[in-house]
Amino acid sequence: MDYHNAFAISAAGMGMERARYEVAATNLARAGTVSGREQAGYPIRRLVATASSLGMDSSSGDVFLTMVSQGLAVPAYRTEATAAETRRVLDRGHPLADTQGNIDQPDIDIAAEMMTLATAVRIYEANVAALSASRTMAMRALDIGSSS
């Protein structure tokens, strides 16, 4: 039995969940960020980690993971900004407020990002358990083979 496929699948799952965790943490850190229209990088957008079983190349500059083990293609992922609009908040005293006194904040739902964090951790742990089980089976198979 070939355990490399099981190891590759678990590793790809852990990589994807690590990416989702990092993106959610970045979104939480940027949730209260205020941007002015004249700032570079305007507007700050919510990020998402998207997975695809289609091939992605590294020329795009995105974060990517491509693992192929004996013809088994496992998902690749990349981080991209959503097209969501920013929230307009009235704060006349803010230094980045426009002429009407509004500031722009990213449209990031803190509760949804916290759920993403919790889910990513649980799925990561499940992939670790699957990897550990595969390792245990491989070790037991080696023990059986060496005793005969």
Protein backbone atom coordinates (compact mmCIF):
# COMPACT_ATOMS: atom_id res chain seq x y z
CA MET A 1 0.00 0.00 0.00
CA ASP A 2 1.26 3.48 -0.89
CA TYR A 3 0.98 5.93 1.98
CA HIS A 4 2.48 8.86 0.06
CA ASN A 5 -0.93 9.82 -1.34
CA ALA A 6 -2.48 9.93 2.13
CA PHE A 7 0.45 12.01 3.40
CA ALA A 8 0.16 14.39 0.42
CA ILE A 9 -3.59 14.84 0.86
CA SER A 10 -3.25 15.57 4.59
CA ALA A 11 -0.37 17.97 3.95
CA ALA A 12 -2.39 19.81 1.30
CA GLY A 13 -5.34 20.06 3.66
CA MET A 14 -3.14 21.43 6.43
CA GLY A 15 -1.63 23.95 4.02
CA MET A 16 -5.04 25.14 2.88
CA GLU A 17 -6.33 25.53 6.42
CA ARG A 18 -3.16 27.37 7.45
CA ALA A 19 -3.78 29.78 4.56
CA ARG A 20 -7.44 30.26 5.60
CA TYR A 21 -6.32 30.91 9.19
CA GLU A 22 -3.71 33.48 8.12
CA VAL A 23 -6.17 35.27 5.84
CA ALA A 24 -8.83 35.41 8.57
CA ALA A 25 -6.26 36.75 11.05
CA THR A 26 -5.21 39.38 8.51
CA ASN A 27 -8.85 40.37 7.98
CA LEU A 28 -9.36 40.73 11.74
CA ALA A 29 -6.25 42.89 12.00
CA ARG A 30 -7.52 45.10 9.16
CA ALA A 31 -11.17 45.27 10.33
CA GLY A 32 -10.84 48.64 12.03
CA THR A 33 -8.43 50.13 9.51
CA VAL A 34 -9.46 53.46 8.08
CA SER A 35 -8.39 54.56 4.64
CA GLY A 36 -8.65 57.83 2.82
CA ARG A 37 -9.33 58.03 -0.89
CA GLU A 38 -5.97 59.63 -1.55
CA GLN A 39 -4.03 56.81 0.16
CA ALA A 40 -2.10 54.27 -1.86
CA GLY A 41 -3.80 50.90 -1.88
CA TYR A 42 -7.26 52.38 -1.43
CA PRO A 43 -9.60 50.74 -0.60
CA ILE A 44 -8.64 48.01 1.82
CA ARG A 45 -10.61 44.90 0.86
CA ARG A 46 -11.49 41.68 2.68
CA LEU A 47 -9.19 38.82 1.66
CA VAL A 48 -10.19 35.21 0.97
CA ALA A 49 -8.16 32.07 0.38
CA THR A 50 -9.62 30.17 -2.56
CA ALA A 51 -8.85 26.58 -3.45
CA SER A 52 -8.89 25.03 -6.87
CA SER A 53 -7.98 21.64 -8.25
CA LEU A 54 -6.98 23.31 -11.49
CA GLY A 55 -3.31 24.05 -12.02
CA MET A 56 -2.05 27.42 -10.89
CA ASP A 57 1.30 28.75 -11.85
CA SER A 58 3.65 30.80 -9.72
CA SER A 59 3.91 33.59 -12.30
CA SER A 60 0.80 35.31 -10.93
CA GLY A 61 2.55 36.25 -7.70
CA ASP A 62 -0.20 34.72 -5.56
CA VAL A 63 0.41 32.38 -2.68
CA PHE A 64 0.17 28.94 -4.16
CA LEU A 65 0.55 25.29 -3.28
CA THR A 66 0.63 22.59 -5.88
CA MET A 67 1.37 19.04 -4.88
CA VAL A 68 1.23 16.14 -7.26
CA SER A 69 1.96 12.68 -5.97
CA GLN A 70 1.87 9.83 -8.46
CA GLY A 71 -0.82 11.43 -10.60
CA LEU A 72 -2.87 12.63 -7.60
CA ALA A 73 -3.58 16.33 -7.95
CA VAL A 74 -4.45 18.01 -4.67
CA PRO A 75 -5.94 21.51 -4.43
CA ALA A 76 -3.89 24.62 -4.93
CA TYR A 77 -4.83 27.86 -3.21
CA ARG A 78 -4.34 31.55 -3.63
CA THR A 79 -5.18 34.67 -1.67
CA GLU A 80 -7.27 37.32 -3.38
CA ALA A 81 -9.24 40.42 -2.43
CA THR A 82 -13.02 40.40 -2.62
CA ALA A 83 -14.98 42.96 -4.59
CA ALA A 84 -16.97 44.03 -1.53
CA GLU A 85 -17.54 47.72 -1.05
CA THR A 86 -16.21 49.60 1.94
CA ARG A 87 -18.42 50.87 4.74
CA ARG A 88 -18.89 54.64 4.94
CA VAL A 89 -18.80 55.81 8.55
CA LEU A 90 -19.50 59.37 9.68
CA ASP A 91 -16.56 60.69 11.74
CA ARG A 92 -16.09 64.39 11.14
CA GLY A 93 -13.11 64.67 13.49
CA HIS A 94 -11.04 62.00 11.80
CA PRO A 95 -8.00 63.29 9.87
CA LEU A 96 -8.81 61.06 6.86
CA ALA A 97 -12.46 62.15 6.65
CA ASP A 98 -13.65 63.49 3.31
CA THR A 99 -15.45 66.82 2.86
CA GLN A 100 -18.73 65.33 4.16
CA GLY A 101 -16.95 63.91 7.25
CA ASN A 102 -17.08 60.26 6.14
CA ILE A 103 -14.31 57.69 6.44
CA ASP A 104 -14.04 54.34 4.64
CA GLN A 105 -13.58 51.06 6.52
CA PRO A 106 -13.31 47.57 5.03
CA ASP A 107 -16.55 45.58 5.05
CA ILE A 108 -15.24 42.80 7.30
CA ASP A 109 -17.63 40.84 9.53
CA ILE A 110 -15.69 40.10 12.72
CA ALA A 111 -18.01 37.26 13.78
CA ALA A 112 -17.65 35.54 10.40
CA GLU A 113 -13.85 35.86 10.55
CA MET A 114 -13.83 34.36 14.07
CA MET A 115 -15.90 31.42 12.79
CA THR A 116 -13.43 30.99 9.93
CA LEU A 117 -10.58 30.88 12.46
CA ALA A 118 -12.33 28.28 14.60
CA THR A 119 -13.28 26.15 11.59
CA ALA A 120 -9.78 26.31 10.11
CA VAL A 121 -8.28 25.15 13.41
CA ARG A 122 -10.68 22.20 13.67
CA ILE A 123 -10.12 21.10 10.06
CA TYR A 124 -6.35 21.46 10.52
CA GLU A 125 -6.55 19.22 13.60
CA ALA A 126 -8.58 16.65 11.63
CA ASN A 127 -5.89 16.60 8.93
CA VAL A 128 -3.20 16.13 11.59
CA ALA A 129 -5.18 13.18 12.98
CA ALA A 130 -5.50 11.66 9.50
CA LEU A 131 -1.76 12.11 8.91
CA SER A 132 -1.00 10.53 12.27
CA ALA A 133 -3.29 7.58 11.53
CA SER A 134 -1.60 7.04 8.15
CA ARG A 135 1.80 7.19 9.81
CA THR A 136 0.73 4.68 12.47
CA MET A 137 -0.58 2.28 9.81
CA ALA A 138 2.64 2.58 7.84
CA MET A 139 4.74 1.94 10.93
CA ARG A 140 2.65 -1.08 11.90
CA ALA A 141 2.96 -2.48 8.38
CA LEU A 142 6.74 -2.12 8.63
CA ASP A 143 6.73 -3.85 12.02
CA ILE A 144 4.69 -6.75 10.61
CA GLY A 145 6.99 -7.03 7.61
CA SER A 146 10.18 -6.98 9.69
CA SER A 147 8.99 -9.68 12.12
CA SER A 148 8.46 -12.31 9.43
